[in-house]
C-alpha atoms as a PDB file:
ATOM      1  CA  MET A   1      10.041 -58.020  -7.393  1.00  0.00           C
ATOM      2  CA  ALA A   2      12.273 -60.675  -6.188  1.00  0.00           C
ATOM      3  CA  LEU A   3      16.040 -60.555  -6.550  1.00  0.00           C
ATOM      4  CA  THR A   4      17.164 -61.987  -9.201  1.00  0.00           C
ATOM      5  CA  ASP A   5      19.856 -64.957  -9.520  1.00  0.00           C
ATOM      6  CA  ALA A   6      22.232 -62.736 -10.783  1.00  0.00           C
ATOM      7  CA  GLN A   7      21.408 -59.887  -8.485  1.00  0.00           C
ATOM      8  CA  ILE A   8      21.890 -62.701  -5.692  1.00  0.00           C
ATOM      9  CA  ASP A   9      25.469 -63.358  -6.243  1.00  0.00           C
ATOM     10  CA  ARG A  10      26.339 -59.632  -6.978  1.00  0.00           C
ATOM     11  CA  TYR A  11      24.858 -58.635  -3.583  1.00  0.00           C
ATOM     12  CA  LYS A  12      25.333 -61.626  -1.475  1.00  0.00           C
ATOM     13  CA  ARG A  13      27.735 -59.807   0.923  1.00  0.00           C
ATOM     14  CA  HIS A  14      25.044 -57.746   1.789  1.00  0.00           C
ATOM     15  CA  ILE A  15      22.515 -60.264   1.812  1.00  0.00           C
ATOM     16  CA  LEU A  16      24.883 -62.577   4.793  1.00  0.00           C
ATOM     17  CA  LEU A  17      24.511 -59.465   7.238  1.00  0.00           C
ATOM     18  CA  LYS A  18      21.435 -59.772   9.158  1.00  0.00           C
ATOM     19  CA  GLU A  19      20.827 -55.753   9.333  1.00  0.00           C
ATOM     20  CA  ILE A  20      20.613 -55.643   5.606  1.00  0.00           C
ATOM     21  CA  GLY A  21      19.759 -59.201   4.004  1.00  0.00           C
ATOM     22  CA  GLY A  22      17.488 -59.378   1.230  1.00  0.00           C
ATOM     23  CA  GLY A  23      14.614 -57.122   2.242  1.00  0.00           C
ATOM     24  CA  GLY A  24      17.285 -54.267   3.230  1.00  0.00           C
ATOM     25  CA  GLN A  25      18.921 -55.347  -0.746  1.00  0.00           C
ATOM     26  CA  GLN A  26      15.311 -54.778  -2.092  1.00  0.00           C
ATOM     27  CA  ALA A  27      15.724 -51.103  -0.338  1.00  0.00           C
ATOM     28  CA  LEU A  28      18.414 -50.157  -1.982  1.00  0.00           C
ATOM     29  CA  LEU A  29      17.477 -51.279  -4.951  1.00  0.00           C
ATOM     30  CA  ASN A  30      14.194 -49.186  -5.114  1.00  0.00           C
ATOM     31  CA  ALA A  31      15.782 -46.239  -3.539  1.00  0.00           C
ATOM     32  CA  ARG A  32      16.774 -42.943  -5.402  1.00  0.00           C
ATOM     33  CA  VAL A  33      19.922 -40.932  -4.425  1.00  0.00           C
ATOM     34  CA  LEU A  34      21.282 -37.390  -5.518  1.00  0.00           C
ATOM     35  CA  ILE A  35      24.667 -37.084  -5.298  1.00  0.00           C
ATOM     36  CA  ILE A  36      25.871 -32.896  -5.209  1.00  0.00           C
ATOM     37  CA  GLY A  37      28.971 -32.487  -6.522  1.00  0.00           C
ATOM     38  CA  MET A  38      31.295 -35.133  -8.370  1.00  0.00           C
ATOM     39  CA  GLY A  39      34.756 -34.147  -6.548  1.00  0.00           C
ATOM     40  CA  GLY A  40      36.762 -35.770  -4.298  1.00  0.00           C
ATOM     41  CA  LEU A  41      33.844 -36.421  -1.848  1.00  0.00           C
ATOM     42  CA  GLY A  42      31.324 -37.520  -4.705  1.00  0.00           C
ATOM     43  CA  ASN A  43      33.692 -39.914  -6.655  1.00  0.00           C
ATOM     44  CA  PRO A  44      34.279 -42.445  -3.655  1.00  0.00           C
ATOM     45  CA  LEU A  45      30.469 -41.936  -2.232  1.00  0.00           C
ATOM     46  CA  ALA A  46      28.849 -42.611  -6.124  1.00  0.00           C
ATOM     47  CA  GLN A  47      31.385 -45.639  -6.513  1.00  0.00           C
ATOM     48  CA  TYR A  48      30.010 -47.408  -3.065  1.00  0.00           C
ATOM     49  CA  LEU A  49      26.655 -46.575  -4.270  1.00  0.00           C
ATOM     50  CA  ALA A  50      26.474 -48.170  -7.159  1.00  0.00           C
ATOM     51  CA  ALA A  51      28.513 -50.909  -5.930  1.00  0.00           C
ATOM     52  CA  ALA A  52      25.888 -51.280  -3.599  1.00  0.00           C
ATOM     53  CA  GLY A  53      22.894 -51.729  -5.656  1.00  0.00           C
ATOM     54  CA  VAL A  54      21.469 -48.245  -4.981  1.00  0.00           C
ATOM     55  CA  GLY A  55      18.891 -48.087  -8.000  1.00  0.00           C
ATOM     56  CA  THR A  56      18.888 -44.742  -9.167  1.00  0.00           C
ATOM     57  CA  ILE A  57      21.520 -42.379  -8.654  1.00  0.00           C
ATOM     58  CA  GLY A  58      21.391 -38.680  -9.797  1.00  0.00           C
ATOM     59  CA  LEU A  59      25.054 -37.057 -10.170  1.00  0.00           C
ATOM     60  CA  ALA A  60      24.687 -33.229 -10.251  1.00  0.00           C
ATOM     61  CA  ASP A  61      28.027 -31.505 -11.345  1.00  0.00           C
ATOM     62  CA  ASP A  62      28.617 -28.371 -14.025  1.00  0.00           C
ATOM     63  CA  ASP A  63      32.331 -29.128 -14.165  1.00  0.00           C
ATOM     64  CA  ASN A  64      34.823 -30.219 -16.323  1.00  0.00           C
ATOM     65  CA  VAL A  65      37.823 -32.953 -15.301  1.00  0.00           C
ATOM     66  CA  GLU A  66      40.998 -31.306 -14.843  1.00  0.00           C
ATOM     67  CA  VAL A  67      44.277 -32.326 -13.760  1.00  0.00           C
ATOM     68  CA  SER A  68      44.437 -31.232 -10.524  1.00  0.00           C
ATOM     69  CA  ASN A  69      41.517 -33.510  -9.977  1.00  0.00           C
ATOM     70  CA  LEU A  70      43.132 -36.442 -10.784  1.00  0.00           C
ATOM     71  CA  GLN A  71      44.512 -36.972  -7.509  1.00  0.00           C
ATOM     72  CA  ARG A  72      41.272 -37.200  -5.476  1.00  0.00           C
ATOM     73  CA  GLN A  73      38.600 -38.003  -7.617  1.00  0.00           C
ATOM     74  CA  VAL A  74      39.559 -41.616  -8.842  1.00  0.00           C
ATOM     75  CA  LEU A  75      36.632 -42.156 -11.460  1.00  0.00           C
ATOM     76  CA  PHE A  76      38.346 -40.293 -13.909  1.00  0.00           C
ATOM     77  CA  ASP A  77      41.446 -41.239 -15.912  1.00  0.00           C
ATOM     78  CA  THR A  78      43.910 -38.711 -17.742  1.00  0.00           C
ATOM     79  CA  GLN A  79      42.136 -39.132 -21.242  1.00  0.00           C
ATOM     80  CA  ASP A  80      39.043 -37.564 -19.203  1.00  0.00           C
ATOM     81  CA  VAL A  81      40.439 -34.246 -18.731  1.00  0.00           C
ATOM     82  CA  GLY A  82      38.240 -31.470 -20.429  1.00  0.00           C
ATOM     83  CA  ALA A  83      35.263 -34.213 -20.339  1.00  0.00           C
ATOM     84  CA  PRO A  84      32.262 -33.248 -18.174  1.00  0.00           C
ATOM     85  CA  LYS A  85      32.604 -34.714 -15.142  1.00  0.00           C
ATOM     86  CA  VAL A  86      28.741 -35.823 -14.941  1.00  0.00           C
ATOM     87  CA  ALA A  87      28.862 -37.837 -18.301  1.00  0.00           C
ATOM     88  CA  ARG A  88      32.322 -39.571 -17.616  1.00  0.00           C
ATOM     89  CA  ALA A  89      31.553 -40.527 -14.345  1.00  0.00           C
ATOM     90  CA  CYS A  90      28.223 -42.147 -15.603  1.00  0.00           C
ATOM     91  CA  ALA A  91      29.696 -43.926 -17.959  1.00  0.00           C
ATOM     92  CA  ARG A  92      31.756 -45.171 -15.491  1.00  0.00           C
ATOM     93  CA  LEU A  93      29.786 -46.477 -12.796  1.00  0.00           C
ATOM     94  CA  LYS A  94      27.564 -48.189 -15.522  1.00  0.00           C
ATOM     95  CA  GLY A  95      30.190 -50.438 -16.271  1.00  0.00           C
ATOM     96  CA  LEU A  96      30.844 -50.996 -12.223  1.00  0.00           C
ATOM     97  CA  ASN A  97      26.685 -51.997 -12.145  1.00  0.00           C
ATOM     98  CA  PRO A  98      24.521 -52.357 -14.922  1.00  0.00           C
ATOM     99  CA  ASP A  99      21.844 -52.997 -12.429  1.00  0.00           C
ATOM    100  CA  VAL A 100      21.699 -49.182 -11.442  1.00  0.00           C
ATOM    101  CA  ASP A 101      20.005 -46.204 -13.442  1.00  0.00           C
ATOM    102  CA  PHE A 102      22.455 -42.724 -13.497  1.00  0.00           C
ATOM    103  CA  VAL A 103      21.044 -39.768 -14.149  1.00  0.00           C
ATOM    104  CA  ALA A 104      23.444 -36.819 -15.050  1.00  0.00           C
ATOM    105  CA  HIS A 105      22.593 -33.302 -14.139  1.00  0.00           C
ATOM    106  CA  GLY A 106      25.266 -31.594 -15.765  1.00  0.00           C
ATOM    107  CA  VAL A 107      24.062 -27.968 -13.752  1.00  0.00           C
ATOM    108  CA  ARG A 108      25.796 -26.255 -11.214  1.00  0.00           C
ATOM    109  CA  VAL A 109      22.948 -26.363  -8.230  1.00  0.00           C
ATOM    110  CA  THR A 110      21.402 -23.298  -7.250  1.00  0.00           C
ATOM    111  CA  ARG A 111      18.414 -21.947  -5.760  1.00  0.00           C
ATOM    112  CA  GLU A 112      16.430 -21.400  -8.878  1.00  0.00           C
ATOM    113  CA  ASN A 113      16.843 -25.649  -9.808  1.00  0.00           C
ATOM    114  CA  VAL A 114      17.586 -26.733  -6.400  1.00  0.00           C
ATOM    115  CA  ASP A 115      13.747 -28.296  -5.605  1.00  0.00           C
ATOM    116  CA  ALA A 116      12.951 -29.321  -8.696  1.00  0.00           C
ATOM    117  CA  LEU A 117      16.249 -31.511  -8.234  1.00  0.00           C
ATOM    118  CA  VAL A 118      15.600 -32.665  -4.770  1.00  0.00           C
ATOM    119  CA  ALA A 119      12.262 -33.891  -5.553  1.00  0.00           C
ATOM    120  CA  GLN A 120      12.956 -36.246  -7.586  1.00  0.00           C
ATOM    121  CA  TYR A 121      14.823 -38.208  -5.132  1.00  0.00           C
ATOM    122  CA  ASP A 122      15.113 -40.044  -1.289  1.00  0.00           C
ATOM    123  CA  ILE A 123      18.086 -38.666   0.010  1.00  0.00           C
ATOM    124  CA  ILE A 124      20.440 -35.930  -0.924  1.00  0.00           C
ATOM    125  CA  ALA A 125      24.473 -36.798  -0.156  1.00  0.00           C
ATOM    126  CA  ASP A 126      26.104 -33.265  -0.552  1.00  0.00           C
ATOM    127  CA  GLY A 127      29.506 -33.201  -1.454  1.00  0.00           C
ATOM    128  CA  SER A 128      30.194 -29.924  -2.692  1.00  0.00           C
ATOM    129  CA  ASP A 129      32.773 -27.715  -2.001  1.00  0.00           C
ATOM    130  CA  ASN A 130      31.356 -24.465  -0.647  1.00  0.00           C
ATOM    131  CA  PHE A 131      28.800 -23.096   1.686  1.00  0.00           C
ATOM    132  CA  ASP A 132      26.720 -21.308  -0.534  1.00  0.00           C
ATOM    133  CA  THR A 133      25.975 -24.904  -2.165  1.00  0.00           C
ATOM    134  CA  ARG A 134      25.453 -26.121   1.463  1.00  0.00           C
ATOM    135  CA  PHE A 135      23.234 -24.093   2.365  1.00  0.00           C
ATOM    136  CA  ILE A 136      21.103 -24.049  -0.614  1.00  0.00           C
ATOM    137  CA  VAL A 137      21.073 -27.872  -0.178  1.00  0.00           C
ATOM    138  CA  ASN A 138      20.406 -27.816   3.312  1.00  0.00           C
ATOM    139  CA  ASP A 139      17.215 -25.439   3.039  1.00  0.00           C
ATOM    140  CA  ALA A 140      15.692 -27.162   0.252  1.00  0.00           C
ATOM    141  CA  CYS A 141      16.105 -30.688   2.269  1.00  0.00           C
ATOM    142  CA  PHE A 142      14.890 -29.162   5.373  1.00  0.00           C
ATOM    143  CA  HIS A 143      11.525 -28.004   3.631  1.00  0.00           C
ATOM    144  CA  ALA A 144      10.954 -31.416   1.212  1.00  0.00           C
ATOM    145  CA  ARG A 145      11.828 -33.314   4.282  1.00  0.00           C
ATOM    146  CA  LYS A 146      14.668 -35.436   2.302  1.00  0.00           C
ATOM    147  CA  THR A 147      17.135 -36.652   4.776  1.00  0.00           C
ATOM    148  CA  LEU A 148      20.505 -34.997   3.838  1.00  0.00           C
ATOM    149  CA  VAL A 149      23.933 -36.935   4.288  1.00  0.00           C
ATOM    150  CA  SER A 150      26.496 -34.169   4.434  1.00  0.00           C
ATOM    151  CA  GLY A 151      30.658 -34.535   3.969  1.00  0.00           C
ATOM    152  CA  ALA A 152      33.540 -32.106   4.016  1.00  0.00           C
ATOM    153  CA  VAL A 153      36.666 -32.127   4.193  1.00  0.00           C
ATOM    154  CA  GLY A 154      40.107 -30.147   4.963  1.00  0.00           C
ATOM    155  CA  GLN A 155      43.455 -30.808   4.279  1.00  0.00           C
ATOM    156  CA  PHE A 156      44.213 -33.663   6.672  1.00  0.00           C
ATOM    157  CA  ASP A 157      40.711 -33.921   8.433  1.00  0.00           C
ATOM    158  CA  GLY A 158      36.835 -33.912   7.539  1.00  0.00           C
ATOM    159  CA  GLN A 159      33.309 -35.020   9.063  1.00  0.00           C
ATOM    160  CA  VAL A 160      30.098 -36.652   8.280  1.00  0.00           C
ATOM    161  CA  ALA A 161      26.891 -35.862   9.414  1.00  0.00           C
ATOM    162  CA  THR A 162      23.073 -36.937   8.539  1.00  0.00           C
ATOM    163  CA  PHE A 163      20.434 -34.060   9.168  1.00  0.00           C
ATOM    164  CA  LYS A 164      16.911 -34.814   9.812  1.00  0.00           C
ATOM    165  CA  PRO A 165      15.759 -31.829  11.316  1.00  0.00           C
ATOM    166  CA  TRP A 166      11.993 -32.053  10.711  1.00  0.00           C
ATOM    167  CA  LEU A 167      11.934 -34.866  13.368  1.00  0.00           C
ATOM    168  CA  ARG A 168      12.072 -34.178  16.760  1.00  0.00           C
ATOM    169  CA  ASP A 169      14.288 -36.419  20.181  1.00  0.00           C
ATOM    170  CA  GLY A 170      12.557 -38.084  22.530  1.00  0.00           C
ATOM    171  CA  ASN A 171      12.466 -34.482  24.773  1.00  0.00           C
ATOM    172  CA  ASN A 172      10.409 -33.243  21.854  1.00  0.00           C
ATOM    173  CA  ILE A 173      13.909 -31.009  20.813  1.00  0.00           C
ATOM    174  CA  PRO A 174      13.984 -30.452  16.896  1.00  0.00           C
ATOM    175  CA  PHE A 175      16.973 -32.368  15.641  1.00  0.00           C
ATOM    176  CA  PRO A 176      19.836 -29.869  14.317  1.00  0.00           C
ATOM    177  CA  CYS A 177      20.264 -29.107  10.465  1.00  0.00           C
ATOM    178  CA  TYR A 178      23.103 -27.777   8.507  1.00  0.00           C
ATOM    179  CA  ARG A 179      22.672 -24.387   9.529  1.00  0.00           C
ATOM    180  CA  SER A 180      22.789 -25.564  13.476  1.00  0.00           C
ATOM    181  CA  LEU A 181      26.663 -26.528  12.647  1.00  0.00           C
ATOM    182  CA  VAL A 182      27.366 -23.575  10.468  1.00  0.00           C
ATOM    183  CA  PRO A 183      25.129 -20.679  10.931  1.00  0.00           C
ATOM    184  CA  GLU A 184      26.725 -18.752   8.104  1.00  0.00           C
ATOM    185  CA  THR A 185      29.151 -18.305   5.909  1.00  0.00           C
ATOM    186  CA  PRO A 186      32.860 -17.914   7.632  1.00  0.00           C
ATOM    187  CA  GLU A 187      34.228 -14.658   6.764  1.00  0.00           C
ATOM    188  CA  LEU A 188      36.331 -14.994   3.187  1.00  0.00           C
ATOM    189  CA  ALA A 189      35.891 -18.895   3.966  1.00  0.00           C
ATOM    190  CA  ASN A 190      34.712 -19.059  -0.013  1.00  0.00           C
ATOM    191  CA  ARG A 191      37.335 -17.399  -1.196  1.00  0.00           C
ATOM    192  CA  ILE A 192      40.304 -18.941   0.579  1.00  0.00           C
ATOM    193  CA  ASP A 193      39.118 -22.153   2.195  1.00  0.00           C
ATOM    194  CA  ASP A 194      39.085 -25.001  -0.306  1.00  0.00           C
ATOM    195  CA  CYS A 195      41.335 -27.388  -1.439  1.00  0.00           C
ATOM    196  CA  ALA A 196      42.015 -25.612  -4.475  1.00  0.00           C
ATOM    197  CA  THR A 197      44.330 -22.765  -2.116  1.00  0.00           C
ATOM    198  CA  LEU A 198      45.230 -25.106   1.236  1.00  0.00           C
ATOM    199  CA  GLY A 199      45.678 -28.237  -0.506  1.00  0.00           C
ATOM    200  CA  THR A 200      43.944 -31.574   0.838  1.00  0.00           C
ATOM    201  CA  VAL A 201      45.133 -35.538   0.978  1.00  0.00           C
ATOM    202  CA  GLY A 202      43.881 -37.285  -1.367  1.00  0.00           C
ATOM    203  CA  ALA A 203      43.075 -40.359   0.415  1.00  0.00           C
ATOM    204  CA  LEU A 204      41.064 -38.552   2.998  1.00  0.00           C
ATOM    205  CA  ALA A 205      38.285 -37.547   0.318  1.00  0.00           C
ATOM    206  CA  GLY A 206      38.177 -41.051  -0.093  1.00  0.00           C
ATOM    207  CA  ILE A 207      37.641 -41.931   3.263  1.00  0.00           C
ATOM    208  CA  ILE A 208      35.028 -39.084   4.042  1.00  0.00           C
ATOM    209  CA  GLY A 209      33.374 -40.378   0.707  1.00  0.00           C
ATOM    210  CA  ALA A 210      33.278 -43.769   2.071  1.00  0.00           C
ATOM    211  CA  LEU A 211      31.579 -42.840   5.327  1.00  0.00           C
ATOM    212  CA  GLN A 212      29.013 -40.693   3.178  1.00  0.00           C
ATOM    213  CA  ALA A 213      27.927 -43.877   1.489  1.00  0.00           C
ATOM    214  CA  LEU A 214      27.715 -46.270   4.208  1.00  0.00           C
ATOM    215  CA  GLU A 215      25.083 -43.466   5.783  1.00  0.00           C
ATOM    216  CA  VAL A 216      23.246 -43.574   3.367  1.00  0.00           C
ATOM    217  CA  ILE A 217      23.132 -47.285   2.972  1.00  0.00           C
ATOM    218  CA  LYS A 218      22.221 -46.722   6.681  1.00  0.00           C
ATOM    219  CA  GLU A 219      19.592 -44.798   5.786  1.00  0.00           C
ATOM    220  CA  VAL A 220      18.025 -46.616   3.289  1.00  0.00           C
ATOM    221  CA  THR A 221      18.208 -49.967   5.017  1.00  0.00           C
ATOM    222  CA  GLN A 222      17.017 -48.441   8.473  1.00  0.00           C
ATOM    223  CA  CYS A 223      20.048 -50.666  10.189  1.00  0.00           C
ATOM    224  CA  GLY A 224      22.515 -49.358  12.645  1.00  0.00           C
ATOM    225  CA  GLU A 225      22.121 -45.923  14.465  1.00  0.00           C
ATOM    226  CA  SER A 226      21.901 -42.832  12.134  1.00  0.00           C
ATOM    227  CA  LEU A 227      23.937 -40.071  12.482  1.00  0.00           C
ATOM    228  CA  ALA A 228      21.005 -37.348  12.622  1.00  0.00           C
ATOM    229  CA  GLY A 229      22.210 -35.067  15.627  1.00  0.00           C
ATOM    230  CA  LYS A 230      26.107 -35.845  15.729  1.00  0.00           C
ATOM    231  CA  VAL A 231      28.713 -35.434  13.141  1.00  0.00           C
ATOM    232  CA  LEU A 232      31.287 -37.893  13.367  1.00  0.00           C
ATOM    233  CA  ILE A 233      34.916 -36.188  12.740  1.00  0.00           C
ATOM    234  CA  PHE A 234      37.917 -37.702  11.864  1.00  0.00           C
ATOM    235  CA  ASP A 235      41.706 -36.576  11.991  1.00  0.00           C
ATOM    236  CA  GLY A 236      43.899 -37.990   9.656  1.00  0.00           C
ATOM    237  CA  LEU A 237      46.955 -36.858  10.928  1.00  0.00           C
ATOM    238  CA  ARG A 238      46.087 -38.456  14.437  1.00  0.00           C
ATOM    239  CA  ALA A 239      44.318 -41.467  12.721  1.00  0.00           C
ATOM    240  CA  HIS A 240      41.527 -40.492  15.120  1.00  0.00           C
ATOM    241  CA  ALA A 241      38.096 -40.515  14.655  1.00  0.00           C
ATOM    242  CA  ARG A 242      35.242 -39.201  17.351  1.00  0.00           C
ATOM    243  CA  THR A 243      31.318 -38.526  17.258  1.00  0.00           C
ATOM    244  CA  VAL A 244      30.167 -35.728  18.708  1.00  0.00           C
ATOM    245  CA  LYS A 245      26.534 -34.422  19.531  1.00  0.00           C
ATOM    246  CA  LEU A 246      25.306 -31.427  17.773  1.00  0.00           C
ATOM    247  CA  PRO A 247      23.076 -29.535  19.587  1.00  0.00           C
ATOM    248  CA  TRP A 248      19.729 -27.886  17.955  1.00  0.00           C
ATOM    249  CA  ASP A 249      20.321 -24.372  17.648  1.00  0.00           C
ATOM    250  CA  PRO A 250      17.222 -22.362  18.958  1.00  0.00           C
ATOM    251  CA  SER A 251      18.065 -19.079  16.830  1.00  0.00           C
ATOM    252  CA  ASN A 252      17.870 -21.124  13.442  1.00  0.00           C
ATOM    253  CA  PRO A 253      16.049 -19.120  10.896  1.00  0.00           C
ATOM    254  CA  LEU A 254      14.643 -22.978   9.406  1.00  0.00           C
ATOM    255  CA  ASN A 255      13.213 -24.906  13.019  1.00  0.00           C
ATOM    256  CA  GLY A 256      14.403 -21.991  15.990  1.00  0.00           C
ATOM    257  CA  THR A 257      12.083 -21.064  18.531  1.00  0.00           C
ATOM    258  CA  SER A 258      10.615 -17.989  15.619  1.00  0.00           C
ATOM    259  CA  VAL A 259       9.238 -20.369  13.651  1.00  0.00           C
ATOM    260  CA  GLY A 260       7.590 -23.146  15.898  1.00  0.00           C
ATOM    261  CA  GLY A 261      10.551 -25.123  16.932  1.00  0.00           C
ATOM    262  CA  THR A 262      10.269 -26.259  20.826  1.00  0.00           C
ATOM    263  CA  SER A 263      12.960 -24.501  23.181  1.00  0.00           C
ATOM    264  CA  VAL A 264      14.795 -26.498  25.691  1.00  0.00           C
ATOM    265  CA  ASN A 265      13.397 -24.377  28.546  1.00  0.00           C
ATOM    266  CA  ASP A 266       9.986 -24.994  27.760  1.00  0.00           C
END
């Protein structure tokens, strides 16, 4: 279906880019993206994907807005405190772009519901704040062969990675998955290593969430170089960013040698 005059006007800054153009904008309008976690990462991620014209955006989170969220979760106002995050986010985002269909999944992502959620979307963007959820989402995306764009923040640093672990590189080596980056939950991490106890600067979440949105847009439009097999690391205190190669882990329980992966020594 051709872009309408209103859509051409709304998205003309995309259409002018030779890497995206009209075809890329059509792909965005046809895309379905699920955002897991409507916290500091999910807020800017959802805003930029909505503004970009991603046709269907699912938001999964079971939390209500708290006063302490407002320092970094910029979709919410003080009057939203106590309201469900996904409901308030959908209302705000619909005002930003009525082209987009927003689907509120007011649930915590678990092993019992993750497969049904992931099956409805083309790309999954994980902005969750705990390792258990990240592992659950990673495993579901691997088995469903869905591209996963993952983000995480610390106090002044953050990272973004794209995972396509069912694919192989030019040497027939599998691409890594999240379990190649974090093989298991760090000891005590889910109890103490989070922004509620250590803190995080709000603007950092905006940077990492926007980078996630950019990587989702690149994956949908097939422009630029994918982050698959790499991790982008941002150091806010030094104003420094670098991209490093993430190696495949042969002991990975998903695509390691024990489940059919190819050894680098083969």
